Amino acid sequence: MYVFRLEEEEYPKTQVSFLARPCQHCDNAPCVKVCPVGARFKREDGIVLTDFQRCIGCRYCEVACPYGVNNFNWKDPSESYYGDWKDPAVQNVTGGAIPPWRNPDLQIVQGEEQRLTAGGGHYKGVVEKCTFCVQRVDKGLDPACVAGCPLNALIFGDRDDPESPVSQYLKRDHFRLLEDAGTEPSVFYVGGNEPEAEVKEIERIRVEVSA
């Protein structure tokens, strides 16, 4: 997820706001349409995922997405570790254990298939993006970003349930990013209008990806 820092007005009346942009998990997802091998797909609950065992790294999804949410993984898993697990100071705490990067919870059942649909940062040559932490959602938990947000700025839930917190929030003024693109994004922003500065930044990201 990328968080945009937006500034309005001029000093000393500058107003700063922040806008989080996860994958929009579009109902009409262009990234699903362009995938030549069916690696990018949408579940019945609307979550858009990538099967890393099918992905061939063509990056068509990266170019097709109007929101710039996809990232191509160039590195091997060992190069993506945040720390040196062999460092003596670290081993004094961990007892020499190295956290596994293969998590069985990431093996999602889709229909009659097992599809590896999360943990893309651990595989070289594939495209990853926000998955709404599908492995948590399938256990009845909120995505990690929602669970960890200290101000409850992020809300996750079922829009088809009129009594859900999400449905209650959406009774207020809200907008969706780049609605004129026809993607039908599932992410809503409550309060205010779509910020022009953020739209321009998304367009800049798209140009860089296309180049």
Protein backbone atom coordinates (compact mmCIF):
# COMPACT_ATOMS: atom_id res chain seq x y z
CA MET A 1 0.00 0.00 0.00
CA TYR A 2 1.28 3.45 -0.90
CA VAL A 3 0.30 6.46 1.24
CA PHE A 4 0.15 9.78 -0.59
CA ARG A 5 1.09 12.95 1.31
CA LEU A 6 -1.05 15.76 -0.09
CA GLU A 7 -0.57 19.49 0.46
CA GLU A 8 -3.11 22.22 -0.20
CA GLU A 9 -2.90 26.00 -0.03
CA GLU A 10 0.38 27.81 0.60
CA TYR A 11 2.50 28.55 3.67
CA PRO A 12 1.58 29.53 6.34
CA LYS A 13 -1.91 28.14 5.66
CA THR A 14 -0.70 24.85 4.25
CA GLN A 15 -2.98 21.91 4.94
CA VAL A 16 -1.53 18.39 4.82
CA SER A 17 -3.56 15.23 4.42
CA PHE A 18 -2.76 11.60 3.70
CA LEU A 19 -4.47 9.16 1.39
CA ALA A 20 -3.81 5.41 1.45
CA ARG A 21 -3.94 3.61 -1.88
CA PRO A 22 -4.07 -0.17 -1.64
CA CYS A 23 -5.09 -2.34 -4.57
CA GLN A 24 -8.63 -1.24 -5.38
CA HIS A 25 -9.84 -4.84 -5.96
CA CYS A 26 -11.96 -3.65 -8.86
CA ASP A 27 -15.22 -5.32 -9.84
CA ASN A 28 -14.25 -4.68 -13.46
CA ALA A 29 -10.52 -5.31 -13.05
CA PRO A 30 -8.46 -4.57 -16.19
CA CYS A 31 -5.52 -6.53 -14.76
CA VAL A 32 -7.62 -9.73 -14.79
CA LYS A 33 -8.65 -9.19 -18.41
CA VAL A 34 -5.11 -8.79 -19.76
CA CYS A 35 -3.44 -11.71 -17.96
CA PRO A 36 -2.62 -14.23 -20.73
CA VAL A 37 -2.33 -17.25 -18.41
CA GLY A 38 -5.15 -16.69 -15.92
CA ALA A 39 -2.77 -15.98 -13.06
CA ARG A 40 -4.67 -12.82 -12.09
CA PHE A 41 -8.23 -13.64 -11.07
CA LYS A 42 -11.12 -12.37 -8.95
CA ARG A 43 -12.72 -14.44 -6.19
CA GLU A 44 -16.47 -14.60 -5.59
CA ASP A 45 -16.08 -12.21 -2.66
CA GLY A 46 -14.48 -9.64 -4.99
CA ILE A 47 -10.86 -9.94 -3.85
CA VAL A 48 -8.48 -9.81 -6.82
CA LEU A 49 -5.48 -12.13 -6.51
CA THR A 50 -2.44 -13.44 -8.37
CA ASP A 51 -1.52 -17.12 -8.59
CA PHE A 52 2.27 -16.98 -8.31
CA GLN A 53 2.62 -20.51 -9.63
CA ARG A 54 0.97 -19.42 -12.89
CA CYS A 55 2.42 -15.90 -13.22
CA ILE A 56 4.96 -15.70 -16.06
CA GLY A 57 6.14 -12.18 -15.23
CA CYS A 58 4.88 -10.54 -18.43
CA ARG A 59 3.79 -7.46 -16.41
CA TYR A 60 0.70 -6.83 -18.55
CA CYS A 61 -1.26 -6.38 -15.32
CA GLU A 62 1.20 -3.74 -14.17
CA VAL A 63 0.61 -1.67 -17.30
CA ALA A 64 -3.15 -2.22 -17.40
CA CYS A 65 -3.79 -1.06 -13.82
CA PRO A 66 -4.81 2.64 -13.74
CA TYR A 67 -3.85 2.87 -10.05
CA GLY A 68 -0.20 1.79 -10.20
CA VAL A 69 -0.58 -0.82 -7.46
CA ASN A 70 1.46 -3.68 -8.98
CA ASN A 71 5.14 -4.37 -8.31
CA PHE A 72 7.43 -6.76 -10.16
CA ASN A 73 9.75 -8.80 -7.94
CA TRP A 74 13.32 -8.77 -9.21
CA LYS A 75 14.99 -10.38 -6.19
CA ASP A 76 15.34 -13.83 -4.70
CA PRO A 77 13.66 -14.36 -1.30
CA SER A 78 16.93 -14.24 0.64
CA GLU A 79 17.63 -10.75 -0.75
CA SER A 80 14.30 -9.46 0.57
CA TYR A 81 14.92 -10.20 4.24
CA TYR A 82 14.76 -7.09 6.41
CA GLY A 83 17.64 -8.17 8.62
CA ASP A 84 20.65 -10.43 8.78
CA TRP A 85 19.41 -13.52 10.60
CA LYS A 86 22.99 -14.79 10.92
CA ASP A 87 24.08 -11.74 12.90
CA PRO A 88 25.30 -12.97 16.33
CA ALA A 89 23.30 -10.28 18.11
CA VAL A 90 20.15 -11.45 16.35
CA GLN A 91 20.89 -15.12 16.98
CA ASN A 92 21.21 -14.44 20.70
CA VAL A 93 17.53 -13.47 20.62
CA THR A 94 16.21 -15.98 18.06
CA GLY A 95 18.30 -18.93 19.15
CA GLY A 96 19.47 -19.32 15.58
CA ALA A 97 15.97 -19.77 14.18
CA ILE A 98 15.13 -18.19 10.82
CA PRO A 99 11.46 -17.32 10.18
CA PRO A 100 10.07 -19.47 7.36
CA TRP A 101 9.15 -17.57 4.24
CA ARG A 102 6.84 -20.34 3.04
CA ASN A 103 3.58 -20.00 4.96
CA PRO A 104 1.04 -22.81 4.39
CA ASP A 105 -1.77 -20.33 5.07
CA LEU A 106 -0.90 -18.65 1.76
CA GLN A 107 -1.99 -21.74 -0.19
CA ILE A 108 -5.58 -20.74 -0.94
CA VAL A 109 -8.24 -23.16 -2.16
CA GLN A 110 -9.95 -21.66 -5.23
CA GLY A 111 -12.71 -23.91 -6.49
CA GLU A 112 -11.11 -27.34 -6.76
CA GLU A 113 -7.59 -25.92 -7.05
CA GLN A 114 -4.85 -24.99 -4.63
CA ARG A 115 -3.57 -21.58 -5.73
CA LEU A 116 -0.61 -19.78 -4.19
CA THR A 117 -2.03 -16.27 -3.90
CA ALA A 118 -0.12 -14.34 -1.24
CA GLY A 119 3.45 -13.76 -0.16
CA GLY A 120 4.55 -12.59 -3.59
CA GLY A 121 7.62 -10.87 -2.18
CA HIS A 122 9.12 -14.30 -1.66
CA TYR A 123 9.12 -15.26 -5.33
CA LYS A 124 11.36 -13.86 -8.04
CA GLY A 125 9.94 -12.96 -11.44
CA VAL A 126 6.29 -12.45 -10.45
CA VAL A 127 4.02 -9.44 -9.92
CA GLU A 128 2.70 -8.78 -6.43
CA LYS A 129 0.20 -6.36 -4.95
CA CYS A 130 -2.11 -5.90 -1.97
CA THR A 131 -4.20 -9.03 -1.39
CA PHE A 132 -6.35 -7.65 1.44
CA CYS A 133 -4.43 -10.30 3.46
CA VAL A 134 -6.71 -12.97 2.03
CA GLN A 135 -5.18 -15.60 4.31
CA ARG A 136 -6.46 -13.57 7.29
CA VAL A 137 -9.84 -12.78 5.73
CA ASP A 138 -10.49 -16.49 5.19
CA LYS A 139 -10.05 -16.95 8.95
CA GLY A 140 -12.54 -14.21 9.78
CA LEU A 141 -9.82 -11.65 10.55
CA ASP A 142 -9.32 -8.14 9.19
CA PRO A 143 -6.42 -7.38 6.82
CA ALA A 144 -3.23 -6.54 8.71
CA CYS A 145 -3.39 -2.85 7.75
CA VAL A 146 -6.88 -2.57 9.25
CA ALA A 147 -5.99 -4.49 12.39
CA GLY A 148 -2.86 -2.41 12.92
CA CYS A 149 -4.21 1.07 12.20
CA PRO A 150 -4.01 2.97 15.53
CA LEU A 151 -6.71 5.48 14.56
CA ASN A 152 -9.20 3.08 12.91
CA ALA A 153 -8.90 5.05 9.70
CA LEU A 154 -9.22 1.83 7.67
CA ILE A 155 -12.45 -0.16 7.73
CA PHE A 156 -12.96 -3.57 6.10
CA GLY A 157 -16.19 -5.50 5.69
CA ASP A 158 -19.12 -6.72 3.63
CA ARG A 159 -20.91 -4.02 1.64
CA ASP A 160 -23.77 -6.44 0.94
CA ASP A 161 -24.60 -6.49 4.66
CA PRO A 162 -26.55 -3.28 5.37
CA GLU A 163 -25.72 -3.55 9.08
CA SER A 164 -21.94 -3.88 8.61
CA PRO A 165 -19.68 -0.99 9.74
CA VAL A 166 -18.63 -0.48 6.11
CA SER A 167 -22.24 -0.02 4.98
CA GLN A 168 -22.82 2.45 7.79
CA TYR A 169 -19.75 4.47 6.79
CA LEU A 170 -20.86 4.55 3.17
CA LYS A 171 -24.01 6.44 4.17
CA ARG A 172 -21.71 9.45 4.44
CA ASP A 173 -20.22 11.40 1.54
CA HIS A 174 -17.57 9.31 -0.21
CA PHE A 175 -15.70 8.89 -3.46
CA ARG A 176 -13.73 6.26 -5.35
CA LEU A 177 -10.48 6.86 -7.21
CA LEU A 178 -10.61 7.32 -10.99
CA GLU A 179 -14.25 6.29 -11.25
CA ASP A 180 -14.32 7.47 -14.85
CA ALA A 181 -11.93 4.63 -15.73
CA GLY A 182 -14.85 2.21 -15.44
CA THR A 183 -13.01 -0.19 -13.13
CA GLU A 184 -15.65 -0.16 -10.37
CA PRO A 185 -13.13 -0.08 -7.49
CA SER A 186 -14.12 -1.72 -4.20
CA VAL A 187 -12.18 0.79 -2.09
CA PHE A 188 -14.15 3.83 -0.93
CA TYR A 189 -12.86 7.04 0.64
CA VAL A 190 -15.22 8.65 3.15
CA GLY A 191 -15.32 12.44 3.40
CA GLY A 192 -14.33 15.11 0.89
CA ASN A 193 -13.74 14.80 -2.83
CA GLU A 194 -11.17 13.00 -4.92
CA PRO A 195 -7.93 15.02 -4.50
CA GLU A 196 -6.54 16.33 -7.77
CA ALA A 197 -2.93 16.07 -6.55
CA GLU A 198 -3.31 12.34 -5.89
CA VAL A 199 -4.83 11.74 -9.31
CA LYS A 200 -1.88 13.49 -10.96
CA GLU A 201 0.56 11.36 -8.94
CA ILE A 202 -1.19 8.15 -10.02
CA GLU A 203 -0.97 9.27 -13.64
CA ARG A 204 2.77 9.92 -13.21
CA ILE A 205 3.24 6.40 -11.84
CA ARG A 206 1.30 4.95 -14.79
CA VAL A 207 3.51 6.80 -17.28
CA GLU A 208 6.66 5.48 -15.60
CA VAL A 209 5.34 1.91 -15.63
CA SER A 210 4.26 2.11 -19.28
CA ALA A 211 7.68 3.45 -20.25
